[in-house]
Amino acid sequence: MPYRKTFTISLEFITKGEIIQRINKNSNFVLVDTTGIHEDNTFKIKGAKTILLQEITDRRLELAGFDETVLYGKNSLCPDARIAAMCLKLLHIPNIKVYKGGIDEWMAHKLPVEEE
């Protein structure tokens, strides 16, 4: 007899304005690019750490010491940051947030970026 268990993982989202506030206040947080280089983008938010979705659980210790972790992907359609956030939450990593706008929204507003 198969066993099925359903559970819900709630995610917290953050806006670009909230990220800018944290940057300006020098808050102890880390930005994580979960998609890295892809065909139409070679940039990441300035100061972000690149940890690809498929590496997030193995590299989770790199996020220790920060009060908050903000994950982002390419844009609101890209599931990478949301999936990475769920993985980290299942591992009981605290204060995980997702920036849905991603690098596309960040660059559209001409905010600071750097090449991967």
PDB file of N, CA and C in Angstrom:
ATOM      1  N   MET A   1       0.838  -1.175   0.000  1.00  0.00           N
ATOM      2  CA  MET A   1       0.000   0.000   0.000  1.00  0.00           C
ATOM      3  C   MET A   1       0.894   1.253   0.000  1.00  0.00           C
ATOM      4  N   PRO A   2       0.741   2.130  -1.001  1.00  0.00           N
ATOM      5  CA  PRO A   2       1.578   3.333  -1.072  1.00  0.00           C
ATOM      6  C   PRO A   2       1.212   4.321   0.037  1.00  0.00           C
ATOM      7  N   TYR A   3       2.208   5.043   0.425  1.00  0.00           N
ATOM      8  CA  TYR A   3       2.044   6.046   1.472  1.00  0.00           C
ATOM      9  C   TYR A   3       2.236   7.413   0.851  1.00  0.00           C
ATOM     10  N   ARG A   4       1.344   8.320   1.119  1.00  0.00           N
ATOM     11  CA  ARG A   4       1.442   9.676   0.567  1.00  0.00           C
ATOM     12  C   ARG A   4       1.284  10.683   1.693  1.00  0.00           C
ATOM     13  N   LYS A   5       2.179  11.641   1.715  1.00  0.00           N
ATOM     14  CA  LYS A   5       2.136  12.705   2.712  1.00  0.00           C
ATOM     15  C   LYS A   5       2.206  14.035   1.980  1.00  0.00           C
ATOM     16  N   THR A   6       1.307  14.926   2.279  1.00  0.00           N
ATOM     17  CA  THR A   6       1.290  16.242   1.665  1.00  0.00           C
ATOM     18  C   THR A   6       1.684  17.278   2.715  1.00  0.00           C
ATOM     19  N   PHE A   7       2.543  18.198   2.333  1.00  0.00           N
ATOM     20  CA  PHE A   7       2.921  19.272   3.247  1.00  0.00           C
ATOM     21  C   PHE A   7       3.115  20.552   2.455  1.00  0.00           C
ATOM     22  N   THR A   8       3.099  21.644   3.163  1.00  0.00           N
ATOM     23  CA  THR A   8       3.220  22.960   2.548  1.00  0.00           C
ATOM     24  C   THR A   8       4.456  23.660   3.095  1.00  0.00           C
ATOM     25  N   ILE A   9       5.177  24.311   2.208  1.00  0.00           N
ATOM     26  CA  ILE A   9       6.318  25.128   2.609  1.00  0.00           C
ATOM     27  C   ILE A   9       5.988  26.559   2.208  1.00  0.00           C
ATOM     28  N   SER A  10       5.888  27.440   3.173  1.00  0.00           N
ATOM     29  CA  SER A  10       5.592  28.831   2.840  1.00  0.00           C
ATOM     30  C   SER A  10       6.902  29.583   2.610  1.00  0.00           C
ATOM     31  N   LEU A  11       6.867  30.450   1.622  1.00  0.00           N
ATOM     32  CA  LEU A  11       8.048  31.242   1.268  1.00  0.00           C
ATOM     33  C   LEU A  11       7.775  32.719   1.536  1.00  0.00           C
ATOM     34  N   GLU A  12       8.811  33.417   1.922  1.00  0.00           N
ATOM     35  CA  GLU A  12       8.718  34.865   2.093  1.00  0.00           C
ATOM     36  C   GLU A  12       9.379  35.521   0.890  1.00  0.00           C
ATOM     37  N   PHE A  13       8.748  36.585   0.395  1.00  0.00           N
ATOM     38  CA  PHE A  13       9.269  37.305  -0.759  1.00  0.00           C
ATOM     39  C   PHE A  13       9.715  38.700  -0.350  1.00  0.00           C
ATOM     40  N   ILE A  14      10.636  39.245  -1.110  1.00  0.00           N
ATOM     41  CA  ILE A  14      11.226  40.546  -0.827  1.00  0.00           C
ATOM     42  C   ILE A  14      11.249  41.346  -2.129  1.00  0.00           C
ATOM     43  N   THR A  15      11.102  42.647  -2.033  1.00  0.00           N
ATOM     44  CA  THR A  15      11.096  43.508  -3.219  1.00  0.00           C
ATOM     45  C   THR A  15      12.492  44.089  -3.454  1.00  0.00           C
ATOM     46  N   LYS A  16      12.682  44.645  -4.630  1.00  0.00           N
ATOM     47  CA  LYS A  16      13.964  45.289  -4.925  1.00  0.00           C
ATOM     48  C   LYS A  16      14.191  46.467  -3.990  1.00  0.00           C
ATOM     49  N   GLY A  17      13.134  47.185  -3.639  1.00  0.00           N
ATOM     50  CA  GLY A  17      13.248  48.301  -2.705  1.00  0.00           C
ATOM     51  C   GLY A  17      13.743  47.851  -1.336  1.00  0.00           C
ATOM     52  N   GLU A  18      13.263  46.704  -0.879  1.00  0.00           N
ATOM     53  CA  GLU A  18      13.709  46.170   0.415  1.00  0.00           C
ATOM     54  C   GLU A  18      15.172  45.729   0.346  1.00  0.00           C
ATOM     55  N   ILE A  19      15.584  45.187  -0.801  1.00  0.00           N
ATOM     56  CA  ILE A  19      16.991  44.806  -0.974  1.00  0.00           C
ATOM     57  C   ILE A  19      17.866  46.056  -0.947  1.00  0.00           C
ATOM     58  N   ILE A  20      17.451  47.100  -1.654  1.00  0.00           N
ATOM     59  CA  ILE A  20      18.216  48.353  -1.681  1.00  0.00           C
ATOM     60  C   ILE A  20      18.344  48.922  -0.266  1.00  0.00           C
ATOM     61  N   GLN A  21      17.261  48.868   0.528  1.00  0.00           N
ATOM     62  CA  GLN A  21      17.331  49.339   1.918  1.00  0.00           C
ATOM     63  C   GLN A  21      18.373  48.556   2.709  1.00  0.00           C
ATOM     64  N   ARG A  22      18.396  47.241   2.527  1.00  0.00           N
ATOM     65  CA  ARG A  22      19.367  46.417   3.257  1.00  0.00           C
ATOM     66  C   ARG A  22      20.798  46.747   2.831  1.00  0.00           C
ATOM     67  N   ILE A  23      20.983  46.964   1.530  1.00  0.00           N
ATOM     68  CA  ILE A  23      22.316  47.341   1.037  1.00  0.00           C
ATOM     69  C   ILE A  23      22.747  48.680   1.641  1.00  0.00           C
ATOM     70  N   ASN A  24      21.850  49.661   1.615  1.00  0.00           N
ATOM     71  CA  ASN A  24      22.169  50.995   2.130  1.00  0.00           C
ATOM     72  C   ASN A  24      22.431  50.997   3.633  1.00  0.00           C
ATOM     73  N   LYS A  25      21.800  50.086   4.363  1.00  0.00           N
ATOM     74  CA  LYS A  25      21.992  49.992   5.816  1.00  0.00           C
ATOM     75  C   LYS A  25      23.149  49.074   6.193  1.00  0.00           C
ATOM     76  N   ASN A  26      23.820  48.506   5.171  1.00  0.00           N
ATOM     77  CA  ASN A  26      24.891  47.530   5.430  1.00  0.00           C
ATOM     78  C   ASN A  26      24.415  46.381   6.317  1.00  0.00           C
ATOM     79  N   SER A  27      23.195  45.915   6.051  1.00  0.00           N
ATOM     80  CA  SER A  27      22.633  44.799   6.821  1.00  0.00           C
ATOM     81  C   SER A  27      23.457  43.541   6.597  1.00  0.00           C
ATOM     82  N   ASN A  28      23.433  42.672   7.572  1.00  0.00           N
ATOM     83  CA  ASN A  28      24.177  41.407   7.499  1.00  0.00           C
ATOM     84  C   ASN A  28      23.334  40.365   6.758  1.00  0.00           C
ATOM     85  N   PHE A  29      23.295  40.498   5.437  1.00  0.00           N
ATOM     86  CA  PHE A  29      22.539  39.563   4.613  1.00  0.00           C
ATOM     87  C   PHE A  29      23.374  39.163   3.409  1.00  0.00           C
ATOM     88  N   VAL A  30      22.976  38.074   2.768  1.00  0.00           N
ATOM     89  CA  VAL A  30      23.685  37.632   1.575  1.00  0.00           C
ATOM     90  C   VAL A  30      22.675  37.469   0.435  1.00  0.00           C
ATOM     91  N   LEU A  31      23.062  37.971  -0.734  1.00  0.00           N
ATOM     92  CA  LEU A  31      22.288  37.779  -1.962  1.00  0.00           C
ATOM     93  C   LEU A  31      22.853  36.568  -2.684  1.00  0.00           C
ATOM     94  N   VAL A  32      21.978  35.685  -3.149  1.00  0.00           N
ATOM     95  CA  VAL A  32      22.431  34.476  -3.831  1.00  0.00           C
ATOM     96  C   VAL A  32      21.759  34.369  -5.193  1.00  0.00           C
ATOM     97  N   ASP A  33      22.598  34.366  -6.231  1.00  0.00           N
ATOM     98  CA  ASP A  33      22.148  34.147  -7.608  1.00  0.00           C
ATOM     99  C   ASP A  33      22.068  32.633  -7.819  1.00  0.00           C
ATOM    100  N   THR A  34      20.865  32.117  -8.073  1.00  0.00           N
ATOM    101  CA  THR A  34      20.682  30.665  -8.183  1.00  0.00           C
ATOM    102  C   THR A  34      20.727  30.153  -9.622  1.00  0.00           C
ATOM    103  N   THR A  35      20.859  31.044 -10.598  1.00  0.00           N
ATOM    104  CA  THR A  35      20.880  30.587 -11.994  1.00  0.00           C
ATOM    105  C   THR A  35      22.232  30.733 -12.663  1.00  0.00           C
ATOM    106  N   GLY A  36      23.047  31.686 -12.229  1.00  0.00           N
ATOM    107  CA  GLY A  36      24.364  31.869 -12.832  1.00  0.00           C
ATOM    108  C   GLY A  36      24.278  32.352 -14.272  1.00  0.00           C
ATOM    109  N   ILE A  37      25.317  32.053 -15.026  1.00  0.00           N
ATOM    110  CA  ILE A  37      25.386  32.477 -16.427  1.00  0.00           C
ATOM    111  C   ILE A  37      24.448  31.618 -17.267  1.00  0.00           C
ATOM    112  N   HIS A  38      23.681  32.268 -18.113  1.00  0.00           N
ATOM    113  CA  HIS A  38      22.841  31.556 -19.076  1.00  0.00           C
ATOM    114  C   HIS A  38      22.834  32.336 -20.374  1.00  0.00           C
ATOM    115  N   GLU A  39      22.170  31.798 -21.366  1.00  0.00           N
ATOM    116  CA  GLU A  39      22.301  32.325 -22.733  1.00  0.00           C
ATOM    117  C   GLU A  39      22.051  33.819 -22.894  1.00  0.00           C
ATOM    118  N   ASP A  40      21.130  34.395 -22.128  1.00  0.00           N
ATOM    119  CA  ASP A  40      20.875  35.821 -22.330  1.00  0.00           C
ATOM    120  C   ASP A  40      21.265  36.674 -21.126  1.00  0.00           C
ATOM    121  N   ASN A  41      22.135  36.151 -20.265  1.00  0.00           N
ATOM    122  CA  ASN A  41      22.612  36.968 -19.151  1.00  0.00           C
ATOM    123  C   ASN A  41      23.955  36.466 -18.630  1.00  0.00           C
ATOM    124  N   THR A  42      24.860  37.412 -18.425  1.00  0.00           N
ATOM    125  CA  THR A  42      26.155  37.073 -17.817  1.00  0.00           C
ATOM    126  C   THR A  42      26.402  37.930 -16.582  1.00  0.00           C
ATOM    127  N   PHE A  43      25.341  38.546 -16.041  1.00  0.00           N
ATOM    128  CA  PHE A  43      25.463  39.454 -14.912  1.00  0.00           C
ATOM    129  C   PHE A  43      24.785  38.905 -13.664  1.00  0.00           C
ATOM    130  N   LYS A  44      25.213  39.447 -12.519  1.00  0.00           N
ATOM    131  CA  LYS A  44      24.548  39.171 -11.247  1.00  0.00           C
ATOM    132  C   LYS A  44      24.474  40.484 -10.482  1.00  0.00           C
ATOM    133  N   ILE A  45      23.627  40.536  -9.475  1.00  0.00           N
ATOM    134  CA  ILE A  45      23.530  41.728  -8.637  1.00  0.00           C
ATOM    135  C   ILE A  45      24.885  41.938  -7.959  1.00  0.00           C
ATOM    136  N   LYS A  46      25.326  43.190  -7.941  1.00  0.00           N
ATOM    137  CA  LYS A  46      26.639  43.500  -7.375  1.00  0.00           C
ATOM    138  C   LYS A  46      26.725  43.005  -5.930  1.00  0.00           C
ATOM    139  N   GLY A  47      27.778  42.231  -5.660  1.00  0.00           N
ATOM    140  CA  GLY A  47      28.006  41.684  -4.332  1.00  0.00           C
ATOM    141  C   GLY A  47      27.348  40.337  -4.081  1.00  0.00           C
ATOM    142  N   ALA A  48      26.561  39.857  -5.044  1.00  0.00           N
ATOM    143  CA  ALA A  48      25.873  38.573  -4.854  1.00  0.00           C
ATOM    144  C   ALA A  48      26.853  37.412  -4.974  1.00  0.00           C
ATOM    145  N   LYS A  49      26.512  36.340  -4.311  1.00  0.00           N
ATOM    146  CA  LYS A  49      27.256  35.087  -4.373  1.00  0.00           C
ATOM    147  C   LYS A  49      26.484  34.184  -5.339  1.00  0.00           C
ATOM    148  N   THR A  50      27.175  33.521  -6.257  1.00  0.00           N
ATOM    149  CA  THR A  50      26.508  32.591  -7.164  1.00  0.00           C
ATOM    150  C   THR A  50      26.575  31.181  -6.590  1.00  0.00           C
ATOM    151  N   ILE A  51      25.406  30.635  -6.295  1.00  0.00           N
ATOM    152  CA  ILE A  51      25.280  29.236  -5.888  1.00  0.00           C
ATOM    153  C   ILE A  51      24.122  28.669  -6.699  1.00  0.00           C
ATOM    154  N   LEU A  52      24.452  27.847  -7.661  1.00  0.00           N
ATOM    155  CA  LEU A  52      23.430  27.299  -8.547  1.00  0.00           C
ATOM    156  C   LEU A  52      22.459  26.418  -7.774  1.00  0.00           C
ATOM    157  N   LEU A  53      21.237  26.334  -8.268  1.00  0.00           N
ATOM    158  CA  LEU A  53      20.203  25.532  -7.626  1.00  0.00           C
ATOM    159  C   LEU A  53      20.698  24.129  -7.298  1.00  0.00           C
ATOM    160  N   GLN A  54      21.352  23.478  -8.247  1.00  0.00           N
ATOM    161  CA  GLN A  54      21.786  22.095  -8.036  1.00  0.00           C
ATOM    162  C   GLN A  54      22.913  21.974  -7.003  1.00  0.00           C
ATOM    163  N   GLU A  55      23.492  23.104  -6.575  1.00  0.00           N
ATOM    164  CA  GLU A  55      24.575  23.091  -5.580  1.00  0.00           C
ATOM    165  C   GLU A  55      24.133  23.600  -4.208  1.00  0.00           C
ATOM    166  N   ILE A  56      22.899  24.087  -4.101  1.00  0.00           N
ATOM    167  CA  ILE A  56      22.488  24.839  -2.914  1.00  0.00           C
ATOM    168  C   ILE A  56      22.585  24.039  -1.622  1.00  0.00           C
ATOM    169  N   THR A  57      22.208  22.777  -1.637  1.00  0.00           N
ATOM    170  CA  THR A  57      22.268  22.016  -0.382  1.00  0.00           C
ATOM    171  C   THR A  57      23.712  21.700   0.004  1.00  0.00           C
ATOM    172  N   ASP A  58      24.557  21.385  -0.965  1.00  0.00           N
ATOM    173  CA  ASP A  58      25.949  21.074  -0.669  1.00  0.00           C
ATOM    174  C   ASP A  58      26.730  22.296  -0.189  1.00  0.00           C
ATOM    175  N   ARG A  59      26.331  23.480  -0.635  1.00  0.00           N
ATOM    176  CA  ARG A  59      27.071  24.698  -0.291  1.00  0.00           C
ATOM    177  C   ARG A  59      26.368  25.551   0.762  1.00  0.00           C
ATOM    178  N   ARG A  60      25.399  24.998   1.440  1.00  0.00           N
ATOM    179  CA  ARG A  60      24.595  25.758   2.403  1.00  0.00           C
ATOM    180  C   ARG A  60      25.424  26.362   3.544  1.00  0.00           C
ATOM    181  N   LEU A  61      26.540  25.761   3.886  1.00  0.00           N
ATOM    182  CA  LEU A  61      27.357  26.302   4.979  1.00  0.00           C
ATOM    183  C   LEU A  61      27.953  27.665   4.627  1.00  0.00           C
ATOM    184  N   GLU A  62      28.030  27.983   3.333  1.00  0.00           N
ATOM    185  CA  GLU A  62      28.517  29.299   2.910  1.00  0.00           C
ATOM    186  C   GLU A  62      27.550  30.412   3.318  1.00  0.00           C
ATOM    187  N   LEU A  63      26.329  30.037   3.695  1.00  0.00           N
ATOM    188  CA  LEU A  63      25.315  31.018   4.075  1.00  0.00           C
ATOM    189  C   LEU A  63      25.290  31.258   5.588  1.00  0.00           C
ATOM    190  N   ALA A  64      26.071  30.488   6.319  1.00  0.00           N
ATOM    191  CA  ALA A  64      26.132  30.638   7.778  1.00  0.00           C
ATOM    192  C   ALA A  64      26.756  31.983   8.128  1.00  0.00           C
ATOM    193  N   GLY A  65      26.317  32.556   9.218  1.00  0.00           N
ATOM    194  CA  GLY A  65      26.890  33.817   9.674  1.00  0.00           C
ATOM    195  C   GLY A  65      26.134  35.039   9.188  1.00  0.00           C
ATOM    196  N   PHE A  66      25.166  34.840   8.314  1.00  0.00           N
ATOM    197  CA  PHE A  66      24.350  35.962   7.840  1.00  0.00           C
ATOM    198  C   PHE A  66      23.012  35.940   8.570  1.00  0.00           C
ATOM    199  N   ASP A  67      22.451  37.117   8.801  1.00  0.00           N
ATOM    200  CA  ASP A  67      21.146  37.206   9.456  1.00  0.00           C
ATOM    201  C   ASP A  67      20.016  36.823   8.508  1.00  0.00           C
ATOM    202  N   GLU A  68      20.275  36.969   7.205  1.00  0.00           N
ATOM    203  CA  GLU A  68      19.221  36.723   6.215  1.00  0.00           C
ATOM    204  C   GLU A  68      19.851  36.294   4.895  1.00  0.00           C
ATOM    205  N   THR A  69      19.170  35.409   4.185  1.00  0.00           N
ATOM    206  CA  THR A  69      19.608  34.974   2.858  1.00  0.00           C
ATOM    207  C   THR A  69      18.512  35.334   1.863  1.00  0.00           C
ATOM    208  N   VAL A  70      18.886  36.066   0.807  1.00  0.00           N
ATOM    209  CA  VAL A  70      17.945  36.450  -0.246  1.00  0.00           C
ATOM    210  C   VAL A  70      18.383  35.755  -1.529  1.00  0.00           C
ATOM    211  N   LEU A  71      17.497  34.912  -2.050  1.00  0.00           N
ATOM    212  CA  LEU A  71      17.778  34.150  -3.271  1.00  0.00           C
ATOM    213  C   LEU A  71      17.045  34.781  -4.450  1.00  0.00           C
ATOM    214  N   TYR A  72      17.680  34.760  -5.610  1.00  0.00           N
ATOM    215  CA  TYR A  72      17.001  35.255  -6.809  1.00  0.00           C
ATOM    216  C   TYR A  72      17.447  34.455  -8.023  1.00  0.00           C
ATOM    217  N   GLY A  73      16.617  34.527  -9.053  1.00  0.00           N
ATOM    218  CA  GLY A  73      16.913  33.862 -10.319  1.00  0.00           C
ATOM    219  C   GLY A  73      16.872  34.864 -11.455  1.00  0.00           C
ATOM    220  N   LYS A  74      16.495  34.399 -12.617  1.00  0.00           N
ATOM    221  CA  LYS A  74      16.452  35.252 -13.799  1.00  0.00           C
ATOM    222  C   LYS A  74      15.306  36.264 -13.730  1.00  0.00           C
ATOM    223  N   ASN A  75      14.109  35.794 -13.406  1.00  0.00           N
ATOM    224  CA  ASN A  75      12.923  36.662 -13.347  1.00  0.00           C
ATOM    225  C   ASN A  75      11.812  35.943 -12.579  1.00  0.00           C
ATOM    226  N   SER A  76      10.614  36.511 -12.595  1.00  0.00           N
ATOM    227  CA  SER A  76       9.514  35.929 -11.817  1.00  0.00           C
ATOM    228  C   SER A  76       9.050  34.579 -12.352  1.00  0.00           C
ATOM    229  N   LEU A  77       9.371  34.252 -13.592  1.00  0.00           N
ATOM    230  CA  LEU A  77       8.987  32.958 -14.166  1.00  0.00           C
ATOM    231  C   LEU A  77       9.991  31.856 -13.855  1.00  0.00           C
ATOM    232  N   CYS A  78      11.186  32.240 -13.447  1.00  0.00           N
ATOM    233  CA  CYS A  78      12.255  31.281 -13.167  1.00  0.00           C
ATOM    234  C   CYS A  78      12.016  30.649 -11.787  1.00  0.00           C
ATOM    235  N   PRO A  79      11.899  29.319 -11.713  1.00  0.00           N
ATOM    236  CA  PRO A  79      11.605  28.668 -10.429  1.00  0.00           C
ATOM    237  C   PRO A  79      12.833  28.416  -9.554  1.00  0.00           C
ATOM    238  N   ASP A  80      14.049  28.662 -10.052  1.00  0.00           N
ATOM    239  CA  ASP A  80      15.269  28.265  -9.339  1.00  0.00           C
ATOM    240  C   ASP A  80      15.343  28.800  -7.910  1.00  0.00           C
ATOM    241  N   ALA A  81      15.091  30.090  -7.718  1.00  0.00           N
ATOM    242  CA  ALA A  81      15.212  30.682  -6.380  1.00  0.00           C
ATOM    243  C   ALA A  81      14.162  30.103  -5.435  1.00  0.00           C
ATOM    244  N   ARG A  82      12.955  29.896  -5.932  1.00  0.00           N
ATOM    245  CA  ARG A  82      11.895  29.343  -5.080  1.00  0.00           C
ATOM    246  C   ARG A  82      12.209  27.902  -4.678  1.00  0.00           C
ATOM    247  N   ILE A  83      12.713  27.117  -5.613  1.00  0.00           N
ATOM    248  CA  ILE A  83      13.072  25.731  -5.298  1.00  0.00           C
ATOM    249  C   ILE A  83      14.242  25.708  -4.309  1.00  0.00           C
ATOM    250  N   ALA A  84      15.237  26.551  -4.534  1.00  0.00           N
ATOM    251  CA  ALA A  84      16.389  26.624  -3.619  1.00  0.00           C
ATOM    252  C   ALA A  84      15.924  27.035  -2.223  1.00  0.00           C
ATOM    253  N   ALA A  85      15.009  27.990  -2.150  1.00  0.00           N
ATOM    254  CA  ALA A  85      14.489  28.428  -0.847  1.00  0.00           C
ATOM    255  C   ALA A  85      13.782  27.286  -0.134  1.00  0.00           C
ATOM    256  N   MET A  86      13.000  26.509  -0.849  1.00  0.00           N
ATOM    257  CA  MET A  86      12.321  25.370  -0.235  1.00  0.00           C
ATOM    258  C   MET A  86      13.330  24.353   0.291  1.00  0.00           C
ATOM    259  N   CYS A  87      14.381  24.089  -0.486  1.00  0.00           N
ATOM    260  CA  CYS A  87      15.426  23.156  -0.039  1.00  0.00           C
ATOM    261  C   CYS A  87      16.066  23.635   1.253  1.00  0.00           C
ATOM    262  N   LEU A  88      16.413  24.908   1.314  1.00  0.00           N
ATOM    263  CA  LEU A  88      17.067  25.456   2.503  1.00  0.00           C
ATOM    264  C   LEU A  88      16.125  25.446   3.711  1.00  0.00           C
ATOM    265  N   LYS A  89      14.850  25.733   3.465  1.00  0.00           N
ATOM    266  CA  LYS A  89      13.883  25.699   4.568  1.00  0.00           C
ATOM    267  C   LYS A  89      13.719  24.282   5.108  1.00  0.00           C
ATOM    268  N   LEU A  90      13.729  23.295   4.225  1.00  0.00           N
ATOM    269  CA  LEU A  90      13.638  21.901   4.669  1.00  0.00           C
ATOM    270  C   LEU A  90      14.847  21.502   5.505  1.00  0.00           C
ATOM    271  N   LEU A  91      15.974  22.171   5.279  1.00  0.00           N
ATOM    272  CA  LEU A  91      17.190  21.925   6.055  1.00  0.00           C
ATOM    273  C   LEU A  91      17.272  22.825   7.300  1.00  0.00           C
ATOM    274  N   HIS A  92      16.169  23.544   7.582  1.00  0.00           N
ATOM    275  CA  HIS A  92      16.049  24.400   8.761  1.00  0.00           C
ATOM    276  C   HIS A  92      17.025  25.574   8.764  1.00  0.00           C
ATOM    277  N   ILE A  93      17.347  26.079   7.569  1.00  0.00           N
ATOM    278  CA  ILE A  93      18.155  27.299   7.464  1.00  0.00           C
ATOM    279  C   ILE A  93      17.195  28.470   7.696  1.00  0.00           C
ATOM    280  N   PRO A  94      17.475  29.348   8.654  1.00  0.00           N
ATOM    281  CA  PRO A  94      16.530  30.429   8.973  1.00  0.00           C
ATOM    282  C   PRO A  94      16.627  31.633   8.039  1.00  0.00           C
ATOM    283  N   ASN A  95      15.556  32.432   8.059  1.00  0.00           N
ATOM    284  CA  ASN A  95      15.501  33.741   7.389  1.00  0.00           C
ATOM    285  C   ASN A  95      15.840  33.685   5.906  1.00  0.00           C
ATOM    286  N   ILE A  96      15.113  32.855   5.184  1.00  0.00           N
ATOM    287  CA  ILE A  96      15.270  32.720   3.739  1.00  0.00           C
ATOM    288  C   ILE A  96      14.182  33.549   3.053  1.00  0.00           C
ATOM    289  N   LYS A  97      14.595  34.368   2.091  1.00  0.00           N
ATOM    290  CA  LYS A  97      13.628  35.155   1.323  1.00  0.00           C
ATOM    291  C   LYS A  97      13.942  35.007  -0.160  1.00  0.00           C
ATOM    292  N   VAL A  98      12.929  35.267  -0.992  1.00  0.00           N
ATOM    293  CA  VAL A  98      13.073  35.166  -2.444  1.00  0.00           C
ATOM    294  C   VAL A  98      12.750  36.518  -3.075  1.00  0.00           C
ATOM    295  N   TYR A  99      13.643  36.955  -3.947  1.00  0.00           N
ATOM    296  CA  TYR A  99      13.403  38.166  -4.759  1.00  0.00           C
ATOM    297  C   TYR A  99      12.897  37.679  -6.106  1.00  0.00           C
ATOM    298  N   LYS A 100      11.583  37.781  -6.313  1.00  0.00           N
ATOM    299  CA  LYS A 100      10.961  37.233  -7.527  1.00  0.00           C
ATOM    300  C   LYS A 100      11.363  37.985  -8.792  1.00  0.00           C
ATOM    301  N   GLY A 101      11.618  39.274  -8.695  1.00  0.00           N
ATOM    302  CA  GLY A 101      11.932  40.054  -9.889  1.00  0.00           C
ATOM    303  C   GLY A 101      13.201  39.594 -10.584  1.00  0.00           C
ATOM    304  N   GLY A 102      14.135  39.077  -9.820  1.00  0.00           N
ATOM    305  CA  GLY A 102      15.365  38.524 -10.374  1.00  0.00           C
ATOM    306  C   GLY A 102      16.260  39.547 -11.050  1.00  0.00           C
ATOM    307  N   ILE A 103      17.272  39.021 -11.711  1.00  0.00           N
ATOM    308  CA  ILE A 103      18.255  39.876 -12.374  1.00  0.00           C
ATOM    309  C   ILE A 103      17.624  40.703 -13.493  1.00  0.00           C
ATOM    310  N   ASP A 104      16.596  40.170 -14.145  1.00  0.00           N
ATOM    311  CA  ASP A 104      15.942  40.937 -15.222  1.00  0.00           C
ATOM    312  C   ASP A 104      15.348  42.244 -14.699  1.00  0.00           C
ATOM    313  N   GLU A 105      14.593  42.176 -13.605  1.00  0.00           N
ATOM    314  CA  GLU A 105      13.996  43.386 -13.033  1.00  0.00           C
ATOM    315  C   GLU A 105      15.084  44.324 -12.519  1.00  0.00           C
ATOM    316  N   TRP A 106      16.089  43.766 -11.848  1.00  0.00           N
ATOM    317  CA  TRP A 106      17.188  44.562 -11.292  1.00  0.00           C
ATOM    318  C   TRP A 106      17.874  45.371 -12.395  1.00  0.00           C
ATOM    319  N   MET A 107      18.182  44.700 -13.499  1.00  0.00           N
ATOM    320  CA  MET A 107      18.872  45.382 -14.606  1.00  0.00           C
ATOM    321  C   MET A 107      17.953  46.359 -15.334  1.00  0.00           C
ATOM    322  N   ALA A 108      16.670  46.047 -15.416  1.00  0.00           N
ATOM    323  CA  ALA A 108      15.718  46.953 -16.063  1.00  0.00           C
ATOM    324  C   ALA A 108      15.665  48.300 -15.346  1.00  0.00           C
ATOM    325  N   HIS A 109      15.947  48.299 -14.049  1.00  0.00           N
ATOM    326  CA  HIS A 109      15.957  49.532 -13.270  1.00  0.00           C
ATOM    327  C   HIS A 109      17.358  50.130 -13.138  1.00  0.00           C
ATOM    328  N   LYS A 110      18.295  49.575 -13.923  1.00  0.00           N
ATOM    329  CA  LYS A 110      19.678  50.071 -13.988  1.00  0.00           C
ATOM    330  C   LYS A 110      20.341  50.125 -12.601  1.00  0.00           C
ATOM    331  N   LEU A 111      20.096  49.077 -11.820  1.00  0.00           N
ATOM    332  CA  LEU A 111      20.721  48.960 -10.505  1.00  0.00           C
ATOM    333  C   LEU A 111      22.073  48.276 -10.653  1.00  0.00           C
ATOM    334  N   PRO A 112      22.947  48.382  -9.659  1.00  0.00           N
ATOM    335  CA  PRO A 112      24.329  47.888  -9.797  1.00  0.00           C
ATOM    336  C   PRO A 112      24.427  46.380 -10.017  1.00  0.00           C
ATOM    337  N   VAL A 113      25.209  46.015 -11.033  1.00  0.00           N
ATOM    338  CA  VAL A 113      25.461  44.617 -11.359  1.00  0.00           C
ATOM    339  C   VAL A 113      26.957  44.425 -11.591  1.00  0.00           C
ATOM    340  N   GLU A 114      27.356  43.152 -11.656  1.00  0.00           N
ATOM    341  CA  GLU A 114      28.737  42.816 -12.011  1.00  0.00           C
ATOM    342  C   GLU A 114      28.696  41.566 -12.871  1.00  0.00           C
ATOM    343  N   GLU A 115      29.737  41.384 -13.671  1.00  0.00           N
ATOM    344  CA  GLU A 115      29.787  40.198 -14.524  1.00  0.00           C
ATOM    345  C   GLU A 115      30.115  38.978 -13.707  1.00  0.00           C
ATOM    346  N   GLU A 116      29.520  37.857 -14.120  1.00  0.00           N
ATOM    347  CA  GLU A 116      29.808  36.567 -13.466  1.00  0.00           C
ATOM    348  C   GLU A 116      31.242  36.194 -13.717  1.00  0.00           C
TER     349      GLU A 116
END
